[in-house]
Amino acid sequence: MPWYYYVLAFVACLFLTNGVPHFVQGVSGNPFPSPFASPPGIGNSPPLVNAVWGFANWVAAAVLLWFFGPAGPGAWAGWILIGAGMLLMALMLSRHFGKTRAG
């Protein structure tokens, strides 16, 4: 695979992981920080906005993985990169939302 496939698969996993908290909080009916709040990323957005934002993140991830995701039995490096992208985004989100929701 060309090198940019790995970069785009990594970016897809950032979208995939970012969609989880927004979608879950949205369908749970809870306000949650989003880029559309005031201030962006810190203030709370309504549940509907978060559900749509989470789903939009998943659509972006699906499109990127469809076209640029690793395929086949020899694509272990791509899958490792996908796991690393998900872990990195999870760590970043846990720190950000932990600070935002605590204070």
Protein backbone atom coordinates (compact mmCIF):
# COMPACT_ATOMS: atom_id res chain seq x y z
CA MET A 1 0.00 0.00 0.00
CA PRO A 2 1.18 3.55 -0.63
CA TRP A 3 2.22 5.49 2.48
CA TYR A 4 -0.76 7.85 2.33
CA TYR A 5 -3.15 4.90 2.76
CA TYR A 6 -1.69 4.44 6.23
CA VAL A 7 -2.09 8.13 7.06
CA LEU A 8 -5.71 8.18 5.88
CA ALA A 9 -6.52 4.96 7.78
CA PHE A 10 -5.06 6.60 10.90
CA VAL A 11 -7.20 9.72 10.36
CA ALA A 12 -10.26 7.52 9.81
CA CYS A 13 -9.76 6.00 13.23
CA LEU A 14 -9.58 9.43 14.81
CA PHE A 15 -13.05 10.11 13.35
CA LEU A 16 -14.27 6.65 14.38
CA THR A 17 -13.22 7.07 18.00
CA ASN A 18 -14.38 10.70 18.24
CA GLY A 19 -17.85 9.68 17.07
CA VAL A 20 -18.39 7.32 20.01
CA PRO A 21 -18.80 9.78 22.93
CA HIS A 22 -20.82 12.26 20.89
CA PHE A 23 -23.20 9.63 19.56
CA VAL A 24 -23.62 7.86 22.91
CA GLN A 25 -24.26 11.07 24.82
CA GLY A 26 -26.63 12.25 22.10
CA VAL A 27 -28.77 9.12 22.06
CA SER A 28 -28.69 9.10 25.88
CA GLY A 29 -30.22 12.57 25.87
CA ASN A 30 -27.29 14.23 27.60
CA PRO A 31 -25.79 17.58 26.66
CA PHE A 32 -22.12 17.18 25.80
CA PRO A 33 -19.28 19.41 24.52
CA SER A 34 -18.97 19.65 20.75
CA PRO A 35 -17.30 21.94 18.20
CA PHE A 36 -20.65 23.69 17.74
CA ALA A 37 -20.99 24.84 21.36
CA SER A 38 -19.94 28.16 22.80
CA PRO A 39 -17.01 28.07 23.50
CA PRO A 40 -16.26 25.35 20.94
CA GLY A 41 -15.27 22.04 22.48
CA ILE A 42 -15.92 23.24 26.01
CA GLY A 43 -19.55 24.36 26.22
CA ASN A 44 -22.35 21.81 25.97
CA SER A 45 -24.35 21.17 22.82
CA PRO A 46 -27.86 19.68 22.81
CA PRO A 47 -28.20 15.89 22.51
CA LEU A 48 -29.51 16.11 18.93
CA VAL A 49 -26.42 18.00 17.79
CA ASN A 50 -24.16 15.42 19.43
CA ALA A 51 -26.01 12.46 17.93
CA VAL A 52 -25.71 13.97 14.44
CA TRP A 53 -22.06 14.97 15.01
CA GLY A 54 -21.19 11.49 16.23
CA PHE A 55 -22.87 9.90 13.23
CA ALA A 56 -21.14 12.32 10.84
CA ASN A 57 -17.79 11.28 12.34
CA TRP A 58 -18.67 7.62 11.71
CA VAL A 59 -19.64 8.35 8.11
CA ALA A 60 -16.33 10.13 7.53
CA ALA A 61 -14.46 7.16 9.06
CA ALA A 62 -16.40 4.64 6.98
CA VAL A 63 -15.71 6.48 3.74
CA LEU A 64 -12.00 6.77 4.48
CA LEU A 65 -11.70 3.13 5.55
CA TRP A 66 -13.70 1.97 2.54
CA PHE A 67 -11.29 3.59 0.13
CA PHE A 68 -8.04 3.62 2.11
CA GLY A 69 -8.35 0.96 4.79
CA PRO A 70 -6.07 -2.06 4.96
CA ALA A 71 -7.31 -5.20 3.27
CA GLY A 72 -6.10 -8.74 2.93
CA PRO A 73 -4.16 -11.07 5.18
CA GLY A 74 -0.86 -9.19 4.74
CA ALA A 75 -2.22 -5.87 5.96
CA TRP A 76 -1.20 -6.29 9.60
CA ALA A 77 0.70 -2.98 9.66
CA GLY A 78 -2.45 -1.12 8.63
CA TRP A 79 -4.49 -2.76 11.37
CA ILE A 80 -1.82 -1.94 13.96
CA LEU A 81 -1.96 1.69 12.82
CA ILE A 82 -5.74 1.68 13.10
CA GLY A 83 -5.50 0.40 16.67
CA ALA A 84 -2.88 3.03 17.49
CA GLY A 85 -5.09 5.77 16.05
CA MET A 86 -8.05 4.64 18.12
CA LEU A 87 -5.96 4.45 21.30
CA LEU A 88 -4.39 7.87 20.72
CA MET A 89 -7.75 9.54 20.15
CA ALA A 90 -9.25 7.77 23.18
CA LEU A 91 -6.44 9.09 25.39
CA MET A 92 -6.79 12.62 24.02
CA LEU A 93 -10.58 12.62 24.41
CA SER A 94 -10.45 11.22 27.95
CA ARG A 95 -8.10 14.02 29.03
CA HIS A 96 -10.09 16.75 27.27
CA PHE A 97 -13.56 15.67 28.37
CA GLY A 98 -12.31 14.80 31.85
CA LYS A 99 -11.13 18.39 32.32
CA THR A 100 -14.20 19.88 30.64
CA ARG A 101 -16.75 17.88 32.60
CA ALA A 102 -14.96 18.26 35.93
CA GLY A 103 -14.71 21.97 35.87
